[in-house]
Amino acid sequence: MRYTGQVRANVLAEMGRRELKQGDVAQILNTSQRSVSKRMTGDTDWRIGDLLRLAQAWDIPIATLLEGTEDDPFAPNGDPKPVGA
């Protein structure tokens, strides 16, 4: 699964366990529900700072939200390019 899709699945799973809606996540992130919706649909990638904030608010390791992404971390951005190329 692509990085963005896997993170989305992990966040959705945690939201389900806690019976939270996108508006609840938006409050934690101090952003709009629309911004969260874009992340949930894959239109916008999750920022590491947002994931850290969620992990802290939910008292879970950030690894829980990143689980399964290590196999293909560059997929959403295409092939990695060397710096300066």
PDB file of N, CA and C in Angstrom:
ATOM      1  N   MET A   1       0.852  -1.182   0.000  1.00  0.00           N
ATOM      2  CA  MET A   1       0.000   0.000   0.000  1.00  0.00           C
ATOM      3  C   MET A   1       0.893   1.239   0.000  1.00  0.00           C
ATOM      4  N   ARG A   2       0.474   2.240  -0.713  1.00  0.00           N
ATOM      5  CA  ARG A   2       1.241   3.471  -0.759  1.00  0.00           C
ATOM      6  C   ARG A   2       1.281   4.127   0.616  1.00  0.00           C
ATOM      7  N   TYR A   3       2.315   4.927   0.815  1.00  0.00           N
ATOM      8  CA  TYR A   3       2.526   5.605   2.095  1.00  0.00           C
ATOM      9  C   TYR A   3       1.279   6.357   2.552  1.00  0.00           C
ATOM     10  N   THR A   4       0.751   7.226   1.689  1.00  0.00           N
ATOM     11  CA  THR A   4      -0.400   8.050   2.067  1.00  0.00           C
ATOM     12  C   THR A   4      -1.598   7.186   2.425  1.00  0.00           C
ATOM     13  N   GLY A   5      -1.839   6.155   1.635  1.00  0.00           N
ATOM     14  CA  GLY A   5      -2.974   5.267   1.910  1.00  0.00           C
ATOM     15  C   GLY A   5      -2.811   4.505   3.210  1.00  0.00           C
ATOM     16  N   GLN A   6      -1.600   4.078   3.504  1.00  0.00           N
ATOM     17  CA  GLN A   6      -1.362   3.323   4.735  1.00  0.00           C
ATOM     18  C   GLN A   6      -1.521   4.214   5.962  1.00  0.00           C
ATOM     19  N   VAL A   7      -0.980   5.427   5.900  1.00  0.00           N
ATOM     20  CA  VAL A   7      -1.136   6.351   7.024  1.00  0.00           C
ATOM     21  C   VAL A   7      -2.622   6.652   7.221  1.00  0.00           C
ATOM     22  N   ARG A   8      -3.329   6.904   6.131  1.00  0.00           N
ATOM     23  CA  ARG A   8      -4.768   7.168   6.218  1.00  0.00           C
ATOM     24  C   ARG A   8      -5.492   5.997   6.879  1.00  0.00           C
ATOM     25  N   ALA A   9      -5.164   4.788   6.480  1.00  0.00           N
ATOM     26  CA  ALA A   9      -5.793   3.604   7.069  1.00  0.00           C
ATOM     27  C   ALA A   9      -5.492   3.514   8.566  1.00  0.00           C
ATOM     28  N   ASN A  10      -4.257   3.822   8.945  1.00  0.00           N
ATOM     29  CA  ASN A  10      -3.881   3.767  10.359  1.00  0.00           C
ATOM     30  C   ASN A  10      -4.611   4.834  11.170  1.00  0.00           C
ATOM     31  N   VAL A  11      -4.717   6.045  10.618  1.00  0.00           N
ATOM     32  CA  VAL A  11      -5.432   7.119  11.315  1.00  0.00           C
ATOM     33  C   VAL A  11      -6.913   6.761  11.420  1.00  0.00           C
ATOM     34  N   LEU A  12      -7.484   6.255  10.331  1.00  0.00           N
ATOM     35  CA  LEU A  12      -8.902   5.859  10.361  1.00  0.00           C
ATOM     36  C   LEU A  12      -9.157   4.770  11.395  1.00  0.00           C
ATOM     37  N   ALA A  13      -8.257   3.813  11.494  1.00  0.00           N
ATOM     38  CA  ALA A  13      -8.413   2.738  12.480  1.00  0.00           C
ATOM     39  C   ALA A  13      -8.410   3.305  13.892  1.00  0.00           C
ATOM     40  N   GLU A  14      -7.491   4.232  14.141  1.00  0.00           N
ATOM     41  CA  GLU A  14      -7.421   4.829  15.478  1.00  0.00           C
ATOM     42  C   GLU A  14      -8.653   5.686  15.751  1.00  0.00           C
ATOM     43  N   MET A  15      -9.114   6.410  14.738  1.00  0.00           N
ATOM     44  CA  MET A  15     -10.341   7.195  14.890  1.00  0.00           C
ATOM     45  C   MET A  15     -11.522   6.282  15.214  1.00  0.00           C
ATOM     46  N   GLY A  16     -11.589   5.139  14.561  1.00  0.00           N
ATOM     47  CA  GLY A  16     -12.666   4.185  14.809  1.00  0.00           C
ATOM     48  C   GLY A  16     -12.628   3.638  16.223  1.00  0.00           C
ATOM     49  N   ARG A  17     -11.435   3.307  16.698  1.00  0.00           N
ATOM     50  CA  ARG A  17     -11.300   2.805  18.067  1.00  0.00           C
ATOM     51  C   ARG A  17     -11.775   3.838  19.085  1.00  0.00           C
ATOM     52  N   ARG A  18     -11.562   5.098  18.756  1.00  0.00           N
ATOM     53  CA  ARG A  18     -11.907   6.171  19.685  1.00  0.00           C
ATOM     54  C   ARG A  18     -13.262   6.820  19.380  1.00  0.00           C
ATOM     55  N   GLU A  19     -13.917   6.320  18.326  1.00  0.00           N
ATOM     56  CA  GLU A  19     -15.221   6.848  17.895  1.00  0.00           C
ATOM     57  C   GLU A  19     -15.148   8.347  17.617  1.00  0.00           C
ATOM     58  N   LEU A  20     -14.121   8.739  16.854  1.00  0.00           N
ATOM     59  CA  LEU A  20     -13.907  10.139  16.506  1.00  0.00           C
ATOM     60  C   LEU A  20     -14.308  10.405  15.059  1.00  0.00           C
ATOM     61  N   LYS A  21     -14.658  11.644  14.793  1.00  0.00           N
ATOM     62  CA  LYS A  21     -14.985  12.089  13.442  1.00  0.00           C
ATOM     63  C   LYS A  21     -13.889  13.039  12.973  1.00  0.00           C
ATOM     64  N   GLN A  22     -13.942  13.397  11.694  1.00  0.00           N
ATOM     65  CA  GLN A  22     -12.934  14.294  11.146  1.00  0.00           C
ATOM     66  C   GLN A  22     -12.889  15.617  11.905  1.00  0.00           C
ATOM     67  N   GLY A  23     -14.027  16.104  12.331  1.00  0.00           N
ATOM     68  CA  GLY A  23     -14.060  17.352  13.099  1.00  0.00           C
ATOM     69  C   GLY A  23     -13.296  17.248  14.402  1.00  0.00           C
ATOM     70  N   ASP A  24     -13.352  16.080  15.028  1.00  0.00           N
ATOM     71  CA  ASP A  24     -12.591  15.863  16.270  1.00  0.00           C
ATOM     72  C   ASP A  24     -11.087  15.917  15.998  1.00  0.00           C
ATOM     73  N   VAL A  25     -10.677  15.303  14.888  1.00  0.00           N
ATOM     74  CA  VAL A  25      -9.258  15.318  14.508  1.00  0.00           C
ATOM     75  C   VAL A  25      -8.834  16.744  14.163  1.00  0.00           C
ATOM     76  N   ALA A  26      -9.703  17.472  13.480  1.00  0.00           N
ATOM     77  CA  ALA A  26      -9.405  18.866  13.130  1.00  0.00           C
ATOM     78  C   ALA A  26      -9.162  19.704  14.378  1.00  0.00           C
ATOM     79  N   GLN A  27      -9.933  19.471  15.424  1.00  0.00           N
ATOM     80  CA  GLN A  27      -9.733  20.212  16.675  1.00  0.00           C
ATOM     81  C   GLN A  27      -8.367  19.912  17.278  1.00  0.00           C
ATOM     82  N   ILE A  28      -7.989  18.646  17.268  1.00  0.00           N
ATOM     83  CA  ILE A  28      -6.677  18.260  17.808  1.00  0.00           C
ATOM     84  C   ILE A  28      -5.565  18.946  17.020  1.00  0.00           C
ATOM     85  N   LEU A  29      -5.730  19.008  15.694  1.00  0.00           N
ATOM     86  CA  LEU A  29      -4.699  19.567  14.826  1.00  0.00           C
ATOM     87  C   LEU A  29      -4.810  21.080  14.665  1.00  0.00           C
ATOM     88  N   ASN A  30      -5.838  21.654  15.271  1.00  0.00           N
ATOM     89  CA  ASN A  30      -6.067  23.097  15.151  1.00  0.00           C
ATOM     90  C   ASN A  30      -6.154  23.514  13.681  1.00  0.00           C
ATOM     91  N   THR A  31      -6.982  22.805  12.938  1.00  0.00           N
ATOM     92  CA  THR A  31      -7.163  23.057  11.516  1.00  0.00           C
ATOM     93  C   THR A  31      -8.632  22.867  11.177  1.00  0.00           C
ATOM     94  N   SER A  32      -8.964  22.953   9.917  1.00  0.00           N
ATOM     95  CA  SER A  32     -10.356  22.796   9.501  1.00  0.00           C
ATOM     96  C   SER A  32     -10.677  21.335   9.222  1.00  0.00           C
ATOM     97  N   GLN A  33     -11.948  21.021   9.271  1.00  0.00           N
ATOM     98  CA  GLN A  33     -12.408  19.674   8.923  1.00  0.00           C
ATOM     99  C   GLN A  33     -12.080  19.397   7.457  1.00  0.00           C
ATOM    100  N   ARG A  34     -12.149  20.420   6.610  1.00  0.00           N
ATOM    101  CA  ARG A  34     -11.839  20.256   5.189  1.00  0.00           C
ATOM    102  C   ARG A  34     -10.379  19.840   4.995  1.00  0.00           C
ATOM    103  N   SER A  35      -9.497  20.420   5.779  1.00  0.00           N
ATOM    104  CA  SER A  35      -8.083  20.060   5.704  1.00  0.00           C
ATOM    105  C   SER A  35      -7.874  18.588   6.076  1.00  0.00           C
ATOM    106  N   VAL A  36      -8.565  18.151   7.108  1.00  0.00           N
ATOM    107  CA  VAL A  36      -8.484  16.740   7.508  1.00  0.00           C
ATOM    108  C   VAL A  36      -9.083  15.863   6.409  1.00  0.00           C
ATOM    109  N   SER A  37     -10.194  16.302   5.838  1.00  0.00           N
ATOM    110  CA  SER A  37     -10.836  15.544   4.764  1.00  0.00           C
ATOM    111  C   SER A  37      -9.886  15.342   3.588  1.00  0.00           C
ATOM    112  N   LYS A  38      -9.128  16.372   3.235  1.00  0.00           N
ATOM    113  CA  LYS A  38      -8.164  16.251   2.132  1.00  0.00           C
ATOM    114  C   LYS A  38      -7.090  15.219   2.446  1.00  0.00           C
ATOM    115  N   ARG A  39      -6.690  15.142   3.689  1.00  0.00           N
ATOM    116  CA  ARG A  39      -5.706  14.120   4.079  1.00  0.00           C
ATOM    117  C   ARG A  39      -6.335  12.733   4.025  1.00  0.00           C
ATOM    118  N   MET A  40      -7.587  12.649   4.435  1.00  0.00           N
ATOM    119  CA  MET A  40      -8.258  11.351   4.464  1.00  0.00           C
ATOM    120  C   MET A  40      -8.554  10.820   3.056  1.00  0.00           C
ATOM    121  N   THR A  41      -8.747  11.713   2.098  1.00  0.00           N
ATOM    122  CA  THR A  41      -9.007  11.274   0.721  1.00  0.00           C
ATOM    123  C   THR A  41      -7.725  11.087  -0.080  1.00  0.00           C
ATOM    124  N   GLY A  42      -6.602  11.495   0.490  1.00  0.00           N
ATOM    125  CA  GLY A  42      -5.328  11.353  -0.202  1.00  0.00           C
ATOM    126  C   GLY A  42      -4.987  12.535  -1.087  1.00  0.00           C
ATOM    127  N   ASP A  43      -5.802  13.589  -1.070  1.00  0.00           N
ATOM    128  CA  ASP A  43      -5.496  14.782  -1.858  1.00  0.00           C
ATOM    129  C   ASP A  43      -4.287  15.532  -1.294  1.00  0.00           C
ATOM    130  N   THR A  44      -4.064  15.398   0.010  1.00  0.00           N
ATOM    131  CA  THR A  44      -2.942  16.029   0.695  1.00  0.00           C
ATOM    132  C   THR A  44      -2.251  14.976   1.548  1.00  0.00           C
ATOM    133  N   ASP A  45      -0.924  14.966   1.525  1.00  0.00           N
ATOM    134  CA  ASP A  45      -0.181  14.027   2.373  1.00  0.00           C
ATOM    135  C   ASP A  45      -0.244  14.467   3.830  1.00  0.00           C
ATOM    136  N   TRP A  46      -0.177  13.505   4.721  1.00  0.00           N
ATOM    137  CA  TRP A  46      -0.094  13.799   6.151  1.00  0.00           C
ATOM    138  C   TRP A  46       1.276  14.366   6.451  1.00  0.00           C
ATOM    139  N   ARG A  47       1.339  15.412   7.240  1.00  0.00           N
ATOM    140  CA  ARG A  47       2.604  15.990   7.684  1.00  0.00           C
ATOM    141  C   ARG A  47       3.047  15.273   8.955  1.00  0.00           C
ATOM    142  N   ILE A  48       4.335  15.121   9.089  1.00  0.00           N
ATOM    143  CA  ILE A  48       4.858  14.414  10.256  1.00  0.00           C
ATOM    144  C   ILE A  48       4.463  15.140  11.542  1.00  0.00           C
ATOM    145  N   GLY A  49       4.434  16.458  11.523  1.00  0.00           N
ATOM    146  CA  GLY A  49       4.020  17.214  12.706  1.00  0.00           C
ATOM    147  C   GLY A  49       2.589  16.910  13.117  1.00  0.00           C
ATOM    148  N   ASP A  50       1.712  16.738  12.120  1.00  0.00           N
ATOM    149  CA  ASP A  50       0.318  16.390  12.421  1.00  0.00           C
ATOM    150  C   ASP A  50       0.234  15.002  13.043  1.00  0.00           C
ATOM    151  N   LEU A  51       1.011  14.085  12.507  1.00  0.00           N
ATOM    152  CA  LEU A  51       1.003  12.725  13.061  1.00  0.00           C
ATOM    153  C   LEU A  51       1.574  12.708  14.481  1.00  0.00           C
ATOM    154  N   LEU A  52       2.603  13.514  14.715  1.00  0.00           N
ATOM    155  CA  LEU A  52       3.156  13.616  16.072  1.00  0.00           C
ATOM    156  C   LEU A  52       2.120  14.174  17.041  1.00  0.00           C
ATOM    157  N   ARG A  53       1.391  15.181  16.591  1.00  0.00           N
ATOM    158  CA  ARG A  53       0.369  15.787  17.448  1.00  0.00           C
ATOM    159  C   ARG A  53      -0.745  14.784  17.758  1.00  0.00           C
ATOM    160  N   LEU A  54      -1.170  14.022  16.751  1.00  0.00           N
ATOM    161  CA  LEU A  54      -2.208  13.003  16.986  1.00  0.00           C
ATOM    162  C   LEU A  54      -1.702  11.938  17.942  1.00  0.00           C
ATOM    163  N   ALA A  55      -0.487  11.476  17.712  1.00  0.00           N
ATOM    164  CA  ALA A  55       0.083  10.445  18.584  1.00  0.00           C
ATOM    165  C   ALA A  55       0.148  10.924  20.024  1.00  0.00           C
ATOM    166  N   GLN A  56       0.532  12.158  20.209  1.00  0.00           N
ATOM    167  CA  GLN A  56       0.612  12.716  21.558  1.00  0.00           C
ATOM    168  C   GLN A  56      -0.785  12.826  22.173  1.00  0.00           C
ATOM    169  N   ALA A  57      -1.742  13.337  21.409  1.00  0.00           N
ATOM    170  CA  ALA A  57      -3.107  13.502  21.925  1.00  0.00           C
ATOM    171  C   ALA A  57      -3.744  12.158  22.256  1.00  0.00           C
ATOM    172  N   TRP A  58      -3.429  11.154  21.460  1.00  0.00           N
ATOM    173  CA  TRP A  58      -4.021   9.832  21.660  1.00  0.00           C
ATOM    174  C   TRP A  58      -3.170   8.950  22.562  1.00  0.00           C
ATOM    175  N   ASP A  59      -2.016   9.455  23.010  1.00  0.00           N
ATOM    176  CA  ASP A  59      -1.113   8.726  23.894  1.00  0.00           C
ATOM    177  C   ASP A  59      -0.705   7.379  23.299  1.00  0.00           C
ATOM    178  N   ILE A  60      -0.265   7.444  22.034  1.00  0.00           N
ATOM    179  CA  ILE A  60       0.224   6.250  21.337  1.00  0.00           C
ATOM    180  C   ILE A  60       1.571   6.594  20.696  1.00  0.00           C
ATOM    181  N   PRO A  61       2.387   5.593  20.411  1.00  0.00           N
ATOM    182  CA  PRO A  61       3.639   5.869  19.695  1.00  0.00           C
ATOM    183  C   PRO A  61       3.331   6.286  18.260  1.00  0.00           C
ATOM    184  N   ILE A  62       4.113   7.198  17.721  1.00  0.00           N
ATOM    185  CA  ILE A  62       3.896   7.613  16.331  1.00  0.00           C
ATOM    186  C   ILE A  62       4.048   6.422  15.384  1.00  0.00           C
ATOM    187  N   ALA A  63       4.811   5.434  15.793  1.00  0.00           N
ATOM    188  CA  ALA A  63       4.984   4.234  14.973  1.00  0.00           C
ATOM    189  C   ALA A  63       3.647   3.563  14.674  1.00  0.00           C
ATOM    190  N   THR A  64       2.679   3.714  15.559  1.00  0.00           N
ATOM    191  CA  THR A  64       1.343   3.151  15.329  1.00  0.00           C
ATOM    192  C   THR A  64       0.718   3.767  14.089  1.00  0.00           C
ATOM    193  N   LEU A  65       0.908   5.052  13.892  1.00  0.00           N
ATOM    194  CA  LEU A  65       0.323   5.737  12.743  1.00  0.00           C
ATOM    195  C   LEU A  65       1.142   5.537  11.470  1.00  0.00           C
ATOM    196  N   LEU A  66       2.405   5.162  11.620  1.00  0.00           N
ATOM    197  CA  LEU A  66       3.288   4.944  10.471  1.00  0.00           C
ATOM    198  C   LEU A  66       3.453   3.467  10.119  1.00  0.00           C
ATOM    199  N   GLU A  67       2.857   2.596  10.900  1.00  0.00           N
ATOM    200  CA  GLU A  67       3.029   1.162  10.682  1.00  0.00           C
ATOM    201  C   GLU A  67       2.644   0.766   9.259  1.00  0.00           C
ATOM    202  N   GLY A  68       3.528  -0.009   8.637  1.00  0.00           N
ATOM    203  CA  GLY A  68       3.275  -0.501   7.289  1.00  0.00           C
ATOM    204  C   GLY A  68       3.768   0.410   6.187  1.00  0.00           C
ATOM    205  N   THR A  69       4.302   1.570   6.538  1.00  0.00           N
ATOM    206  CA  THR A  69       4.765   2.510   5.510  1.00  0.00           C
ATOM    207  C   THR A  69       6.227   2.315   5.137  1.00  0.00           C
ATOM    208  N   GLU A  70       6.945   1.597   5.962  1.00  0.00           N
ATOM    209  CA  GLU A  70       8.387   1.480   5.739  1.00  0.00           C
ATOM    210  C   GLU A  70       8.747   0.717   4.469  1.00  0.00           C
ATOM    211  N   ASP A  71       7.823  -0.045   3.907  1.00  0.00           N
ATOM    212  CA  ASP A  71       8.121  -0.823   2.710  1.00  0.00           C
ATOM    213  C   ASP A  71       8.253   0.050   1.463  1.00  0.00           C
ATOM    214  N   ASP A  72       7.540   1.178   1.402  1.00  0.00           N
ATOM    215  CA  ASP A  72       7.533   2.004   0.201  1.00  0.00           C
ATOM    216  C   ASP A  72       7.334   3.474   0.559  1.00  0.00           C
ATOM    217  N   PRO A  73       8.268   4.060   1.319  1.00  0.00           N
ATOM    218  CA  PRO A  73       8.048   5.412   1.834  1.00  0.00           C
ATOM    219  C   PRO A  73       8.019   6.499   0.776  1.00  0.00           C
ATOM    220  N   PHE A  74       8.550   6.253  -0.425  1.00  0.00           N
ATOM    221  CA  PHE A  74       8.611   7.302  -1.442  1.00  0.00           C
ATOM    222  C   PHE A  74       7.513   7.173  -2.498  1.00  0.00           C
ATOM    223  N   ALA A  75       6.634   6.210  -2.368  1.00  0.00           N
ATOM    224  CA  ALA A  75       5.628   5.962  -3.393  1.00  0.00           C
ATOM    225  C   ALA A  75       4.777   7.172  -3.749  1.00  0.00           C
ATOM    226  N   PRO A  76       4.249   7.972  -2.781  1.00  0.00           N
ATOM    227  CA  PRO A  76       3.367   9.054  -3.190  1.00  0.00           C
ATOM    228  C   PRO A  76       4.060  10.152  -3.979  1.00  0.00           C
ATOM    229  N   ASN A  77       5.362  10.267  -3.843  1.00  0.00           N
ATOM    230  CA  ASN A  77       6.093  11.324  -4.524  1.00  0.00           C
ATOM    231  C   ASN A  77       6.854  10.815  -5.742  1.00  0.00           C
ATOM    232  N   GLY A  78       6.649   9.584  -6.111  1.00  0.00           N
ATOM    233  CA  GLY A  78       7.376   9.013  -7.232  1.00  0.00           C
ATOM    234  C   GLY A  78       8.747   8.538  -6.797  1.00  0.00           C
ATOM    235  N   ASP A  79       9.600   8.305  -7.773  1.00  0.00           N
ATOM    236  CA  ASP A  79      10.942   7.828  -7.474  1.00  0.00           C
ATOM    237  C   ASP A  79      11.748   8.904  -6.765  1.00  0.00           C
ATOM    238  N   PRO A  80      12.510   8.519  -5.742  1.00  0.00           N
ATOM    239  CA  PRO A  80      13.343   9.510  -5.059  1.00  0.00           C
ATOM    240  C   PRO A  80      14.428  10.008  -6.009  1.00  0.00           C
ATOM    241  N   LYS A  81      14.726  11.285  -5.932  1.00  0.00           N
ATOM    242  CA  LYS A  81      15.761  11.883  -6.776  1.00  0.00           C
ATOM    243  C   LYS A  81      16.888  12.360  -5.882  1.00  0.00           C
ATOM    244  N   PRO A  82      18.141  12.177  -6.337  1.00  0.00           N
ATOM    245  CA  PRO A  82      19.258  12.640  -5.538  1.00  0.00           C
ATOM    246  C   PRO A  82      19.219  14.161  -5.376  1.00  0.00           C
ATOM    247  N   VAL A  83      19.672  14.634  -4.245  1.00  0.00           N
ATOM    248  CA  VAL A  83      19.720  16.066  -3.986  1.00  0.00           C
ATOM    249  C   VAL A  83      20.702  16.696  -4.981  1.00  0.00           C
ATOM    250  N   GLY A  84      20.292  17.819  -5.557  1.00  0.00           N
ATOM    251  CA  GLY A  84      21.146  18.536  -6.493  1.00  0.00           C
ATOM    252  C   GLY A  84      21.060  18.025  -7.925  1.00  0.00           C
ATOM    253  N   ALA A  85      20.200  17.058  -8.175  1.00  0.00           N
ATOM    254  CA  ALA A  85      20.084  16.526  -9.547  1.00  0.00           C
ATOM    255  C   ALA A  85      19.127  17.339 -10.368  1.00  0.00           C
TER     256      ALA A  85
END
